[in-house]
Amino acid sequence: MPNANWHLYLLRTRMDTLYTGIATDVERRIGEHESVTGRGAKYLRAKGPLQLEYQACLGSREIALMAEHRIKQLSRQQKEQLIADNLPGPKLLGKLGLD
């Protein structure tokens, strides 16, 4: 899928932790995280139900990976602000210095 649009997403677990990930199909990926098939992230096992808090289309996988890395470096308070701001992809990239 070289031309697929990659999305960055933040999930909230039942324990109120935030998880950041990327995917071309966010709903499918959340389903994988919630299933028992083992295709989801180990971190999210037994932490459901998961709630999608934020998602933004970022285009390429390379950009999505860079944005994911930057967001994982943010404090919890900064992640909560990002969720509250609900920025579209291009504005998120600008905020992260990736524009």
PDB file of N, CA and C in Angstrom:
ATOM      1  N   MET A   1       0.809  -1.185   0.000  1.00  0.00           N
ATOM      2  CA  MET A   1       0.000   0.000   0.000  1.00  0.00           C
ATOM      3  C   MET A   1       0.860   1.261   0.000  1.00  0.00           C
ATOM      4  N   PRO A   2       1.677   1.500  -0.986  1.00  0.00           N
ATOM      5  CA  PRO A   2       2.559   2.654  -0.956  1.00  0.00           C
ATOM      6  C   PRO A   2       1.823   3.987  -1.015  1.00  0.00           C
ATOM      7  N   ASN A   3       0.642   4.047  -1.587  1.00  0.00           N
ATOM      8  CA  ASN A   3      -0.086   5.300  -1.714  1.00  0.00           C
ATOM      9  C   ASN A   3      -1.195   5.446  -0.678  1.00  0.00           C
ATOM     10  N   ALA A   4      -1.192   4.630   0.339  1.00  0.00           N
ATOM     11  CA  ALA A   4      -2.239   4.679   1.362  1.00  0.00           C
ATOM     12  C   ALA A   4      -2.068   5.926   2.226  1.00  0.00           C
ATOM     13  N   ASN A   5      -3.179   6.447   2.703  1.00  0.00           N
ATOM     14  CA  ASN A   5      -3.143   7.557   3.659  1.00  0.00           C
ATOM     15  C   ASN A   5      -2.966   7.002   5.056  1.00  0.00           C
ATOM     16  N   TRP A   6      -1.948   7.441   5.734  1.00  0.00           N
ATOM     17  CA  TRP A   6      -1.673   6.996   7.089  1.00  0.00           C
ATOM     18  C   TRP A   6      -2.275   7.968   8.077  1.00  0.00           C
ATOM     19  N   HIS A   7      -2.850   7.402   9.134  1.00  0.00           N
ATOM     20  CA  HIS A   7      -3.495   8.182  10.189  1.00  0.00           C
ATOM     21  C   HIS A   7      -2.749   7.967  11.496  1.00  0.00           C
ATOM     22  N   LEU A   8      -2.682   9.014  12.284  1.00  0.00           N
ATOM     23  CA  LEU A   8      -2.189   8.919  13.640  1.00  0.00           C
ATOM     24  C   LEU A   8      -3.418   8.926  14.545  1.00  0.00           C
ATOM     25  N   TYR A   9      -3.396   8.120  15.611  1.00  0.00           N
ATOM     26  CA  TYR A   9      -4.544   8.064  16.514  1.00  0.00           C
ATOM     27  C   TYR A   9      -4.088   7.962  17.957  1.00  0.00           C
ATOM     28  N   LEU A  10      -4.930   8.446  18.842  1.00  0.00           N
ATOM     29  CA  LEU A  10      -4.719   8.296  20.275  1.00  0.00           C
ATOM     30  C   LEU A  10      -5.922   7.576  20.857  1.00  0.00           C
ATOM     31  N   LEU A  11      -5.646   6.540  21.642  1.00  0.00           N
ATOM     32  CA  LEU A  11      -6.683   5.753  22.307  1.00  0.00           C
ATOM     33  C   LEU A  11      -6.581   5.948  23.810  1.00  0.00           C
ATOM     34  N   ARG A  12      -7.726   5.931  24.473  1.00  0.00           N
ATOM     35  CA  ARG A  12      -7.760   5.954  25.936  1.00  0.00           C
ATOM     36  C   ARG A  12      -8.188   4.569  26.404  1.00  0.00           C
ATOM     37  N   THR A  13      -7.467   4.020  27.359  1.00  0.00           N
ATOM     38  CA  THR A  13      -7.795   2.698  27.901  1.00  0.00           C
ATOM     39  C   THR A  13      -8.758   2.857  29.076  1.00  0.00           C
ATOM     40  N   ARG A  14      -9.286   1.741  29.545  1.00  0.00           N
ATOM     41  CA  ARG A  14     -10.209   1.804  30.694  1.00  0.00           C
ATOM     42  C   ARG A  14      -9.478   2.265  31.950  1.00  0.00           C
ATOM     43  N   MET A  15      -8.154   2.172  31.948  1.00  0.00           N
ATOM     44  CA  MET A  15      -7.355   2.632  33.088  1.00  0.00           C
ATOM     45  C   MET A  15      -6.918   4.083  32.908  1.00  0.00           C
ATOM     46  N   ASP A  16      -7.491   4.758  31.905  1.00  0.00           N
ATOM     47  CA  ASP A  16      -7.260   6.172  31.616  1.00  0.00           C
ATOM     48  C   ASP A  16      -5.823   6.470  31.183  1.00  0.00           C
ATOM     49  N   THR A  17      -5.167   5.498  30.547  1.00  0.00           N
ATOM     50  CA  THR A  17      -3.876   5.773  29.945  1.00  0.00           C
ATOM     51  C   THR A  17      -4.103   6.076  28.466  1.00  0.00           C
ATOM     52  N   LEU A  18      -3.141   6.767  27.859  1.00  0.00           N
ATOM     53  CA  LEU A  18      -3.240   7.116  26.445  1.00  0.00           C
ATOM     54  C   LEU A  18      -2.228   6.317  25.647  1.00  0.00           C
ATOM     55  N   TYR A  19      -2.665   5.827  24.498  1.00  0.00           N
ATOM     56  CA  TYR A  19      -1.822   5.048  23.596  1.00  0.00           C
ATOM     57  C   TYR A  19      -1.819   5.750  22.247  1.00  0.00           C
ATOM     58  N   THR A  20      -0.656   5.912  21.656  1.00  0.00           N
ATOM     59  CA  THR A  20      -0.521   6.548  20.347  1.00  0.00           C
ATOM     60  C   THR A  20      -0.100   5.507  19.327  1.00  0.00           C
ATOM     61  N   GLY A  21      -0.739   5.525  18.158  1.00  0.00           N
ATOM     62  CA  GLY A  21      -0.378   4.591  17.096  1.00  0.00           C
ATOM     63  C   GLY A  21      -0.656   5.190  15.734  1.00  0.00           C
ATOM     64  N   ILE A  22      -0.262   4.444  14.693  1.00  0.00           N
ATOM     65  CA  ILE A  22      -0.542   4.849  13.320  1.00  0.00           C
ATOM     66  C   ILE A  22      -1.129   3.658  12.571  1.00  0.00           C
ATOM     67  N   ALA A  23      -1.932   3.953  11.558  1.00  0.00           N
ATOM     68  CA  ALA A  23      -2.546   2.893  10.758  1.00  0.00           C
ATOM     69  C   ALA A  23      -3.143   3.504   9.495  1.00  0.00           C
ATOM     70  N   THR A  24      -3.357   2.669   8.497  1.00  0.00           N
ATOM     71  CA  THR A  24      -4.066   3.120   7.299  1.00  0.00           C
ATOM     72  C   THR A  24      -5.570   2.990   7.495  1.00  0.00           C
ATOM     73  N   ASP A  25      -5.985   2.090   8.370  1.00  0.00           N
ATOM     74  CA  ASP A  25      -7.404   1.883   8.677  1.00  0.00           C
ATOM     75  C   ASP A  25      -7.533   1.839  10.203  1.00  0.00           C
ATOM     76  N   VAL A  26      -7.874   2.972  10.781  1.00  0.00           N
ATOM     77  CA  VAL A  26      -7.884   3.099  12.241  1.00  0.00           C
ATOM     78  C   VAL A  26      -8.914   2.174  12.886  1.00  0.00           C
ATOM     79  N   GLU A  27     -10.106   2.091  12.325  1.00  0.00           N
ATOM     80  CA  GLU A  27     -11.128   1.228  12.923  1.00  0.00           C
ATOM     81  C   GLU A  27     -10.695  -0.236  12.919  1.00  0.00           C
ATOM     82  N   ARG A  28     -10.093  -0.694  11.815  1.00  0.00           N
ATOM     83  CA  ARG A  28      -9.590  -2.069  11.750  1.00  0.00           C
ATOM     84  C   ARG A  28      -8.515  -2.276  12.807  1.00  0.00           C
ATOM     85  N   ARG A  29      -7.626  -1.291  12.941  1.00  0.00           N
ATOM     86  CA  ARG A  29      -6.521  -1.423  13.892  1.00  0.00           C
ATOM     87  C   ARG A  29      -7.036  -1.468  15.330  1.00  0.00           C
ATOM     88  N   ILE A  30      -8.021  -0.653  15.636  1.00  0.00           N
ATOM     89  CA  ILE A  30      -8.596  -0.697  16.985  1.00  0.00           C
ATOM     90  C   ILE A  30      -9.212  -2.071  17.232  1.00  0.00           C
ATOM     91  N   GLY A  31      -9.875  -2.614  16.225  1.00  0.00           N
ATOM     92  CA  GLY A  31     -10.422  -3.966  16.342  1.00  0.00           C
ATOM     93  C   GLY A  31      -9.339  -4.987  16.627  1.00  0.00           C
ATOM     94  N   GLU A  32      -8.183  -4.840  15.975  1.00  0.00           N
ATOM     95  CA  GLU A  32      -7.062  -5.755  16.239  1.00  0.00           C
ATOM     96  C   GLU A  32      -6.562  -5.584  17.668  1.00  0.00           C
ATOM     97  N   HIS A  33      -6.504  -4.343  18.142  1.00  0.00           N
ATOM     98  CA  HIS A  33      -6.066  -4.107  19.527  1.00  0.00           C
ATOM     99  C   HIS A  33      -7.029  -4.750  20.521  1.00  0.00           C
ATOM    100  N   GLU A  34      -8.321  -4.722  20.213  1.00  0.00           N
ATOM    101  CA  GLU A  34      -9.325  -5.238  21.154  1.00  0.00           C
ATOM    102  C   GLU A  34      -9.548  -6.742  21.041  1.00  0.00           C
ATOM    103  N   SER A  35      -9.084  -7.346  19.957  1.00  0.00           N
ATOM    104  CA  SER A  35      -9.324  -8.777  19.769  1.00  0.00           C
ATOM    105  C   SER A  35      -8.321  -9.610  20.570  1.00  0.00           C
ATOM    106  N   VAL A  36      -8.595 -10.889  20.659  1.00  0.00           N
ATOM    107  CA  VAL A  36      -7.705 -11.798  21.386  1.00  0.00           C
ATOM    108  C   VAL A  36      -6.767 -12.549  20.442  1.00  0.00           C
ATOM    109  N   THR A  37      -6.719 -12.122  19.172  1.00  0.00           N
ATOM    110  CA  THR A  37      -5.901 -12.822  18.178  1.00  0.00           C
ATOM    111  C   THR A  37      -4.417 -12.562  18.327  1.00  0.00           C
ATOM    112  N   GLY A  38      -4.047 -11.543  19.102  1.00  0.00           N
ATOM    113  CA  GLY A  38      -2.633 -11.252  19.281  1.00  0.00           C
ATOM    114  C   GLY A  38      -2.053 -10.327  18.235  1.00  0.00           C
ATOM    115  N   ARG A  39      -2.902  -9.749  17.367  1.00  0.00           N
ATOM    116  CA  ARG A  39      -2.414  -8.837  16.329  1.00  0.00           C
ATOM    117  C   ARG A  39      -2.294  -7.403  16.832  1.00  0.00           C
ATOM    118  N   GLY A  40      -2.836  -7.124  17.998  1.00  0.00           N
ATOM    119  CA  GLY A  40      -2.772  -5.770  18.550  1.00  0.00           C
ATOM    120  C   GLY A  40      -1.517  -5.563  19.375  1.00  0.00           C
ATOM    121  N   ALA A  41      -1.345  -4.352  19.865  1.00  0.00           N
ATOM    122  CA  ALA A  41      -0.184  -4.013  20.691  1.00  0.00           C
ATOM    123  C   ALA A  41      -0.256  -4.738  22.032  1.00  0.00           C
ATOM    124  N   LYS A  42       0.878  -5.269  22.483  1.00  0.00           N
ATOM    125  CA  LYS A  42       0.929  -5.944  23.777  1.00  0.00           C
ATOM    126  C   LYS A  42       0.497  -5.010  24.900  1.00  0.00           C
ATOM    127  N   TYR A  43       0.884  -3.739  24.791  1.00  0.00           N
ATOM    128  CA  TYR A  43       0.554  -2.759  25.821  1.00  0.00           C
ATOM    129  C   TYR A  43      -0.949  -2.683  26.075  1.00  0.00           C
ATOM    130  N   LEU A  44      -1.744  -2.897  25.048  1.00  0.00           N
ATOM    131  CA  LEU A  44      -3.195  -2.723  25.173  1.00  0.00           C
ATOM    132  C   LEU A  44      -3.948  -3.981  25.590  1.00  0.00           C
ATOM    133  N   ARG A  45      -3.262  -5.098  25.716  1.00  0.00           N
ATOM    134  CA  ARG A  45      -3.950  -6.332  26.103  1.00  0.00           C
ATOM    135  C   ARG A  45      -4.577  -6.185  27.480  1.00  0.00           C
ATOM    136  N   ALA A  46      -5.838  -6.557  27.585  1.00  0.00           N
ATOM    137  CA  ALA A  46      -6.617  -6.527  28.833  1.00  0.00           C
ATOM    138  C   ALA A  46      -6.798  -5.111  29.371  1.00  0.00           C
ATOM    139  N   LYS A  47      -6.645  -4.091  28.516  1.00  0.00           N
ATOM    140  CA  LYS A  47      -6.849  -2.709  28.965  1.00  0.00           C
ATOM    141  C   LYS A  47      -8.068  -2.078  28.317  1.00  0.00           C
ATOM    142  N   GLY A  48      -8.855  -2.886  27.598  1.00  0.00           N
ATOM    143  CA  GLY A  48     -10.055  -2.373  26.941  1.00  0.00           C
ATOM    144  C   GLY A  48     -11.200  -2.272  27.914  1.00  0.00           C
ATOM    145  N   PRO A  49     -12.302  -1.663  27.521  1.00  0.00           N
ATOM    146  CA  PRO A  49     -12.542  -1.174  26.168  1.00  0.00           C
ATOM    147  C   PRO A  49     -11.706   0.071  25.866  1.00  0.00           C
ATOM    148  N   LEU A  50     -11.408   0.225  24.581  1.00  0.00           N
ATOM    149  CA  LEU A  50     -10.604   1.347  24.128  1.00  0.00           C
ATOM    150  C   LEU A  50     -11.512   2.416  23.544  1.00  0.00           C
ATOM    151  N   GLN A  51     -11.139   3.650  23.774  1.00  0.00           N
ATOM    152  CA  GLN A  51     -11.920   4.763  23.250  1.00  0.00           C
ATOM    153  C   GLN A  51     -11.019   5.608  22.353  1.00  0.00           C
ATOM    154  N   LEU A  52     -11.438   5.803  21.106  1.00  0.00           N
ATOM    155  CA  LEU A  52     -10.694   6.653  20.190  1.00  0.00           C
ATOM    156  C   LEU A  52     -10.875   8.102  20.620  1.00  0.00           C
ATOM    157  N   GLU A  53      -9.771   8.755  20.973  1.00  0.00           N
ATOM    158  CA  GLU A  53      -9.820  10.138  21.446  1.00  0.00           C
ATOM    159  C   GLU A  53      -9.455  11.132  20.348  1.00  0.00           C
ATOM    160  N   TYR A  54      -8.603  10.712  19.406  1.00  0.00           N
ATOM    161  CA  TYR A  54      -8.123  11.643  18.382  1.00  0.00           C
ATOM    162  C   TYR A  54      -7.602  10.847  17.203  1.00  0.00           C
ATOM    163  N   GLN A  55      -7.813  11.401  16.014  1.00  0.00           N
ATOM    164  CA  GLN A  55      -7.169  10.842  14.832  1.00  0.00           C
ATOM    165  C   GLN A  55      -6.995  11.941  13.806  1.00  0.00           C
ATOM    166  N   ALA A  56      -5.915  11.827  13.032  1.00  0.00           N
ATOM    167  CA  ALA A  56      -5.633  12.799  11.981  1.00  0.00           C
ATOM    168  C   ALA A  56      -4.970  12.078  10.826  1.00  0.00           C
ATOM    169  N   CYS A  57      -5.375  12.441   9.617  1.00  0.00           N
ATOM    170  CA  CYS A  57      -4.767  11.890   8.411  1.00  0.00           C
ATOM    171  C   CYS A  57      -3.491  12.673   8.130  1.00  0.00           C
ATOM    172  N   LEU A  58      -2.370  11.944   8.022  1.00  0.00           N
ATOM    173  CA  LEU A  58      -1.078  12.601   7.838  1.00  0.00           C
ATOM    174  C   LEU A  58      -0.430  12.299   6.501  1.00  0.00           C
ATOM    175  N   GLY A  59      -1.013  11.420   5.712  1.00  0.00           N
ATOM    176  CA  GLY A  59      -0.447  11.131   4.393  1.00  0.00           C
ATOM    177  C   GLY A  59       0.478   9.931   4.418  1.00  0.00           C
ATOM    178  N   SER A  60       1.762  10.184   4.324  1.00  0.00           N
ATOM    179  CA  SER A  60       2.731   9.096   4.163  1.00  0.00           C
ATOM    180  C   SER A  60       3.053   8.402   5.485  1.00  0.00           C
ATOM    181  N   ARG A  61       3.505   7.169   5.375  1.00  0.00           N
ATOM    182  CA  ARG A  61       3.904   6.399   6.557  1.00  0.00           C
ATOM    183  C   ARG A  61       5.083   7.066   7.260  1.00  0.00           C
ATOM    184  N   GLU A  62       6.008   7.587   6.478  1.00  0.00           N
ATOM    185  CA  GLU A  62       7.200   8.233   7.041  1.00  0.00           C
ATOM    186  C   GLU A  62       6.813   9.414   7.935  1.00  0.00           C
ATOM    187  N   ILE A  63       5.921  10.274   7.441  1.00  0.00           N
ATOM    188  CA  ILE A  63       5.470  11.423   8.233  1.00  0.00           C
ATOM    189  C   ILE A  63       4.710  10.947   9.464  1.00  0.00           C
ATOM    190  N   ALA A  64       3.840   9.938   9.295  1.00  0.00           N
ATOM    191  CA  ALA A  64       3.061   9.418  10.423  1.00  0.00           C
ATOM    192  C   ALA A  64       3.980   8.851  11.503  1.00  0.00           C
ATOM    193  N   LEU A  65       5.029   8.156  11.103  1.00  0.00           N
ATOM    194  CA  LEU A  65       5.989   7.607  12.079  1.00  0.00           C
ATOM    195  C   LEU A  65       6.702   8.719  12.838  1.00  0.00           C
ATOM    196  N   MET A  66       7.090   9.770  12.130  1.00  0.00           N
ATOM    197  CA  MET A  66       7.764  10.891  12.796  1.00  0.00           C
ATOM    198  C   MET A  66       6.823  11.586  13.777  1.00  0.00           C
ATOM    199  N   ALA A  67       5.562  11.779  13.364  1.00  0.00           N
ATOM    200  CA  ALA A  67       4.581  12.409  14.251  1.00  0.00           C
ATOM    201  C   ALA A  67       4.320  11.528  15.473  1.00  0.00           C
ATOM    202  N   GLU A  68       4.188  10.226  15.254  1.00  0.00           N
ATOM    203  CA  GLU A  68       3.967   9.295  16.369  1.00  0.00           C
ATOM    204  C   GLU A  68       5.115   9.393  17.368  1.00  0.00           C
ATOM    205  N   HIS A  69       6.323   9.415  16.883  1.00  0.00           N
ATOM    206  CA  HIS A  69       7.495   9.507  17.763  1.00  0.00           C
ATOM    207  C   HIS A  69       7.459  10.805  18.573  1.00  0.00           C
ATOM    208  N   ARG A  70       7.150  11.910  17.919  1.00  0.00           N
ATOM    209  CA  ARG A  70       7.110  13.205  18.615  1.00  0.00           C
ATOM    210  C   ARG A  70       6.015  13.218  19.682  1.00  0.00           C
ATOM    211  N   ILE A  71       4.853  12.658  19.360  1.00  0.00           N
ATOM    212  CA  ILE A  71       3.750  12.656  20.326  1.00  0.00           C
ATOM    213  C   ILE A  71       4.080  11.766  21.520  1.00  0.00           C
ATOM    214  N   LYS A  72       4.765  10.668  21.285  1.00  0.00           N
ATOM    215  CA  LYS A  72       5.142   9.789  22.398  1.00  0.00           C
ATOM    216  C   LYS A  72       6.117  10.467  23.352  1.00  0.00           C
ATOM    217  N   GLN A  73       6.780  11.537  22.901  1.00  0.00           N
ATOM    218  CA  GLN A  73       7.703  12.284  23.757  1.00  0.00           C
ATOM    219  C   GLN A  73       6.977  13.337  24.603  1.00  0.00           C
ATOM    220  N   LEU A  74       5.719  13.625  24.280  1.00  0.00           N
ATOM    221  CA  LEU A  74       4.963  14.650  24.995  1.00  0.00           C
ATOM    222  C   LEU A  74       4.525  14.166  26.379  1.00  0.00           C
ATOM    223  N   SER A  75       4.301  15.117  27.250  1.00  0.00           N
ATOM    224  CA  SER A  75       3.763  14.793  28.573  1.00  0.00           C
ATOM    225  C   SER A  75       2.285  14.433  28.434  1.00  0.00           C
ATOM    226  N   ARG A  76       1.757  13.850  29.465  1.00  0.00           N
ATOM    227  CA  ARG A  76       0.327  13.527  29.463  1.00  0.00           C
ATOM    228  C   ARG A  76      -0.507  14.789  29.263  1.00  0.00           C
ATOM    229  N   GLN A  77      -0.151  15.854  29.948  1.00  0.00           N
ATOM    230  CA  GLN A  77      -0.883  17.114  29.835  1.00  0.00           C
ATOM    231  C   GLN A  77      -0.848  17.631  28.387  1.00  0.00           C
ATOM    232  N   GLN A  78       0.283  17.529  27.731  1.00  0.00           N
ATOM    233  CA  GLN A  78       0.386  17.968  26.344  1.00  0.00           C
ATOM    234  C   GLN A  78      -0.461  17.095  25.415  1.00  0.00           C
ATOM    235  N   LYS A  79      -0.505  15.797  25.687  1.00  0.00           N
ATOM    236  CA  LYS A  79      -1.352  14.895  24.886  1.00  0.00           C
ATOM    237  C   LYS A  79      -2.830  15.219  25.090  1.00  0.00           C
ATOM    238  N   GLU A  80      -3.218  15.501  26.319  1.00  0.00           N
ATOM    239  CA  GLU A  80      -4.608  15.866  26.601  1.00  0.00           C
ATOM    240  C   GLU A  80      -4.965  17.166  25.874  1.00  0.00           C
ATOM    241  N   GLN A  81      -4.024  18.112  25.814  1.00  0.00           N
ATOM    242  CA  GLN A  81      -4.273  19.370  25.102  1.00  0.00           C
ATOM    243  C   GLN A  81      -4.414  19.118  23.605  1.00  0.00           C
ATOM    244  N   LEU A  82      -3.601  18.209  23.090  1.00  0.00           N
ATOM    245  CA  LEU A  82      -3.684  17.854  21.672  1.00  0.00           C
ATOM    246  C   LEU A  82      -5.064  17.269  21.357  1.00  0.00           C
ATOM    247  N   ILE A  83      -5.564  16.431  22.237  1.00  0.00           N
ATOM    248  CA  ILE A  83      -6.903  15.851  22.068  1.00  0.00           C
ATOM    249  C   ILE A  83      -7.952  16.969  22.099  1.00  0.00           C
ATOM    250  N   ALA A  84      -7.819  17.870  23.056  1.00  0.00           N
ATOM    251  CA  ALA A  84      -8.788  18.964  23.190  1.00  0.00           C
ATOM    252  C   ALA A  84      -8.757  19.882  21.967  1.00  0.00           C
ATOM    253  N   ASP A  85      -7.574  20.136  21.428  1.00  0.00           N
ATOM    254  CA  ASP A  85      -7.436  21.019  20.261  1.00  0.00           C
ATOM    255  C   ASP A  85      -8.030  20.390  19.001  1.00  0.00           C
ATOM    256  N   ASN A  86      -7.980  19.051  18.915  1.00  0.00           N
ATOM    257  CA  ASN A  86      -8.544  18.311  17.781  1.00  0.00           C
ATOM    258  C   ASN A  86      -8.093  18.884  16.430  1.00  0.00           C
ATOM    259  N   LEU A  87      -6.792  19.078  16.285  1.00  0.00           N
ATOM    260  CA  LEU A  87      -6.238  19.684  15.081  1.00  0.00           C
ATOM    261  C   LEU A  87      -6.319  18.747  13.886  1.00  0.00           C
ATOM    262  N   PRO A  88      -6.608  19.283  12.692  1.00  0.00           N
ATOM    263  CA  PRO A  88      -6.511  18.461  11.479  1.00  0.00           C
ATOM    264  C   PRO A  88      -5.045  18.141  11.202  1.00  0.00           C
ATOM    265  N   GLY A  89      -4.797  17.135  10.370  1.00  0.00           N
ATOM    266  CA  GLY A  89      -3.448  16.664  10.094  1.00  0.00           C
ATOM    267  C   GLY A  89      -2.416  17.735   9.805  1.00  0.00           C
ATOM    268  N   PRO A  90      -2.659  18.641   8.837  1.00  0.00           N
ATOM    269  CA  PRO A  90      -1.644  19.653   8.517  1.00  0.00           C
ATOM    270  C   PRO A  90      -1.305  20.558   9.702  1.00  0.00           C
ATOM    271  N   LYS A  91      -2.304  20.930  10.505  1.00  0.00           N
ATOM    272  CA  LYS A  91      -2.031  21.784  11.667  1.00  0.00           C
ATOM    273  C   LYS A  91      -1.285  21.018  12.754  1.00  0.00           C
ATOM    274  N   LEU A  92      -1.592  19.728  12.897  1.00  0.00           N
ATOM    275  CA  LEU A  92      -0.857  18.903  13.853  1.00  0.00           C
ATOM    276  C   LEU A  92       0.613  18.843  13.452  1.00  0.00           C
ATOM    277  N   LEU A  93       0.877  18.619  12.167  1.00  0.00           N
ATOM    278  CA  LEU A  93       2.260  18.558  11.701  1.00  0.00           C
ATOM    279  C   LEU A  93       2.988  19.877  11.977  1.00  0.00           C
ATOM    280  N   GLY A  94       2.295  20.998  11.784  1.00  0.00           N
ATOM    281  CA  GLY A  94       2.886  22.299  12.076  1.00  0.00           C
ATOM    282  C   GLY A  94       3.216  22.442  13.553  1.00  0.00           C
ATOM    283  N   LYS A  95       2.292  22.007  14.398  1.00  0.00           N
ATOM    284  CA  LYS A  95       2.511  22.092  15.842  1.00  0.00           C
ATOM    285  C   LYS A  95       3.693  21.235  16.291  1.00  0.00           C
ATOM    286  N   LEU A  96       3.877  20.106  15.597  1.00  0.00           N
ATOM    287  CA  LEU A  96       4.980  19.197  15.934  1.00  0.00           C
ATOM    288  C   LEU A  96       6.281  19.572  15.231  1.00  0.00           C
ATOM    289  N   GLY A  97       6.258  20.617  14.401  1.00  0.00           N
ATOM    290  CA  GLY A  97       7.447  21.039  13.666  1.00  0.00           C
ATOM    291  C   GLY A  97       7.787  20.140  12.497  1.00  0.00           C
ATOM    292  N   LEU A  98       6.777  19.491  11.939  1.00  0.00           N
ATOM    293  CA  LEU A  98       6.993  18.553  10.825  1.00  0.00           C
ATOM    294  C   LEU A  98       6.408  19.055   9.513  1.00  0.00           C
ATOM    295  N   ASP A  99       6.043  20.324   9.454  1.00  0.00           N
ATOM    296  CA  ASP A  99       5.444  20.855   8.232  1.00  0.00           C
ATOM    297  C   ASP A  99       6.483  21.269   7.200  1.00  0.00           C
TER     298      ASP A  99
END
